[in-house]
Structures are given as C-alpha cells and as structure tokens.
Amino acid sequence: MGVGQDEFGITDENAVSLYVKEVNPGAIIHCAAYTAVDKAEDDKETCWNVNVEGTKFLAQVAKDVNAKFMYISTDYVFNGEGKIPFIEANQPSPVGYYGLTKYEGEKIVQQLLSEWFIEVFLGFLD
C-alpha cells in the first residue's frame, strides 16, 4: 500500500508515528524525498527537514513496529569521479546540499535500525 502527502507529512513526527503505528506494516519502502537538486541549495531547511528529519521519523517508527526498512538514496552521495562502478565500501563524497542530506539520511537509517536496505536511485531513463 502506497501513501502520500495526503495521508501525512513526512516532516510531522507525530503524524508519521500515528499513521505507521495504525497501519503496522511489515515493511516500509521510504521513497519520500526532496529531490529538487538545484533548488536545494536555496531551500536548505525544507530539504533537510524532508530528507533527514523525515527519514529519522520514519526509521524510528519502523523500529517501534519492527518493520523491515528500505531507504531510497541517490548517486549524489558519491562525487562521480573515478573509472569503475561504486560499491558499498566506497567512501561517500556528497555532491551539493541535496547529496549531503541524502547521505545524512543513510547514516540515520544505519544508526537507528539493525536491519535495513539502502538502494541508490540513478535517475530516469529517456
């Protein structure tokens, strides 16, 4: 079952908690994100609140209800330099504020949860 902004705002900790506890899912795929990469440089507060605080709220309640958790991240957590594909062991080097907030979201997921999945979204194909 997918949910959107009509059900709750990801930056409202209480609303996130109440909704997830009511639904009591076995798994959460966290797709919500502030994705306006260029605009993020000028709207840092909203970007941080959605990508970091919202992720924290969702991860905390996932832990409360013992739900599996998948976080959708971005290739912007890596700088794109190099000639071989990145692997999980590579050191992140976020590109811009958007990349930084997505990386901070990754760290929160890893800190709060013992079992998690992080997938990198590489963009849309033309």
Protein backbone atom coordinates (compact mmCIF):
# COMPACT_ATOMS: atom_id res chain seq x y z
CA MET A 1 0.00 0.00 0.00
CA GLY A 2 1.47 3.33 -1.01
CA VAL A 3 0.88 6.54 0.90
CA GLY A 4 1.50 10.14 0.03
CA GLN A 5 1.27 13.64 1.41
CA ASP A 6 -2.50 13.32 1.74
CA GLU A 7 -2.09 10.69 4.47
CA PHE A 8 0.62 12.51 6.46
CA GLY A 9 3.50 14.92 6.05
CA ILE A 10 6.90 13.26 6.36
CA THR A 11 8.18 16.20 8.43
CA ASP A 12 5.47 15.83 11.08
CA GLU A 13 6.91 13.36 13.59
CA ASN A 14 3.62 12.77 15.38
CA ALA A 15 1.66 12.22 12.16
CA VAL A 16 4.29 9.79 10.84
CA SER A 17 4.26 7.82 14.07
CA LEU A 18 0.48 7.67 14.38
CA TYR A 19 -0.04 6.60 10.78
CA VAL A 20 2.62 3.89 10.75
CA LYS A 21 1.57 2.51 14.13
CA GLU A 22 -2.03 2.34 12.95
CA VAL A 23 -1.14 0.53 9.73
CA ASN A 24 1.55 -1.59 11.45
CA PRO A 25 3.32 -2.62 8.23
CA GLY A 26 5.78 -5.49 7.99
CA ALA A 27 7.98 -3.41 5.68
CA ILE A 28 8.46 0.23 4.74
CA ILE A 29 9.95 1.43 1.48
CA HIS A 30 10.90 5.04 2.12
CA CYS A 31 10.58 6.88 -1.20
CA ALA A 32 9.66 10.34 0.08
CA ALA A 33 12.34 12.90 -0.68
CA TYR A 34 13.08 16.47 -1.51
CA THR A 35 14.51 15.95 -4.98
CA ALA A 36 14.81 19.45 -6.44
CA VAL A 37 18.60 19.17 -6.59
CA ASP A 38 19.36 22.72 -7.76
CA LYS A 39 16.66 24.31 -5.58
CA ALA A 40 18.04 22.51 -2.51
CA GLU A 41 20.96 24.94 -2.40
CA ASP A 42 18.49 27.80 -1.76
CA ASP A 43 15.89 25.87 0.26
CA LYS A 44 18.18 24.04 2.67
CA GLU A 45 15.74 23.98 5.57
CA THR A 46 13.00 22.19 3.64
CA CYS A 47 15.50 19.83 2.03
CA TRP A 48 16.98 18.92 5.44
CA ASN A 49 13.58 18.52 7.07
CA VAL A 50 12.32 16.13 4.38
CA ASN A 51 15.48 14.14 3.63
CA VAL A 52 16.99 13.94 7.11
CA GLU A 53 14.35 14.63 9.74
CA GLY A 54 11.59 12.84 7.82
CA THR A 55 13.85 9.84 7.36
CA LYS A 56 14.64 9.84 11.08
CA PHE A 57 10.94 9.94 12.00
CA LEU A 58 10.12 7.08 9.65
CA ALA A 59 13.11 4.96 10.75
CA GLN A 60 12.25 5.45 14.42
CA VAL A 61 8.68 4.26 13.98
CA ALA A 62 9.83 1.40 11.74
CA LYS A 63 11.93 0.25 14.67
CA ASP A 64 8.94 0.63 17.01
CA VAL A 65 6.73 -1.61 14.86
CA ASN A 66 9.60 -3.95 13.88
CA ALA A 67 9.16 -3.26 10.15
CA LYS A 68 11.81 -4.00 7.57
CA PHE A 69 13.09 -0.74 6.10
CA MET A 70 14.31 0.23 2.66
CA TYR A 71 15.70 3.71 2.07
CA ILE A 72 15.91 5.07 -1.45
CA SER A 73 19.07 7.14 -1.74
CA THR A 74 20.86 8.72 -4.69
CA ASP A 75 24.08 8.61 -6.65
CA TYR A 76 24.62 12.20 -5.46
CA VAL A 77 26.16 10.73 -2.29
CA PHE A 78 29.22 9.99 -4.46
CA ASN A 79 31.18 12.57 -6.38
CA GLY A 80 31.15 10.69 -9.69
CA GLU A 81 34.92 10.71 -10.01
CA GLY A 82 36.69 7.51 -10.92
CA LYS A 83 36.53 4.98 -13.68
CA ILE A 84 34.96 1.94 -12.02
CA PRO A 85 31.46 1.47 -10.54
CA PHE A 86 30.96 2.43 -6.92
CA ILE A 87 30.38 -0.27 -4.31
CA GLU A 88 29.08 -0.08 -0.74
CA ALA A 89 32.61 0.11 0.67
CA ASN A 90 33.45 3.33 -1.23
CA GLN A 91 33.72 6.45 0.88
CA PRO A 92 30.78 8.79 0.19
CA SER A 93 31.59 12.29 -1.02
CA PRO A 94 28.22 14.02 -1.40
CA VAL A 95 27.59 16.37 -4.30
CA GLY A 96 25.83 19.55 -3.18
CA TYR A 97 23.37 20.03 -0.37
CA TYR A 98 20.89 17.52 -1.79
CA GLY A 99 23.57 14.80 -1.83
CA LEU A 100 24.58 15.71 1.72
CA THR A 101 21.02 15.37 3.02
CA LYS A 102 20.51 12.01 1.33
CA TYR A 103 23.80 10.78 2.81
CA GLU A 104 22.75 12.02 6.27
CA GLY A 105 19.51 10.06 5.78
CA GLU A 106 21.54 6.93 5.00
CA LYS A 107 23.56 7.36 8.19
CA ILE A 108 20.42 7.79 10.30
CA VAL A 109 18.91 4.59 8.88
CA GLN A 110 22.10 2.69 9.65
CA GLN A 111 22.32 4.12 13.18
CA LEU A 112 18.70 3.57 14.21
CA LEU A 113 17.97 0.21 12.63
CA SER A 114 19.72 -3.12 12.88
CA GLU A 115 18.22 -4.39 9.62
CA TRP A 116 17.92 -2.09 6.62
CA PHE A 117 18.33 -1.86 2.88
CA ILE A 118 19.64 1.17 1.01
CA GLU A 119 19.07 1.40 -2.73
CA VAL A 120 20.56 4.07 -4.93
CA PHE A 121 18.29 5.77 -7.43
CA LEU A 122 20.22 6.70 -10.55
CA GLY A 123 17.53 8.69 -12.33
CA PHE A 124 15.09 8.10 -15.13
CA LEU A 125 15.91 6.59 -18.49
CA ASP A 126 14.99 8.67 -21.52
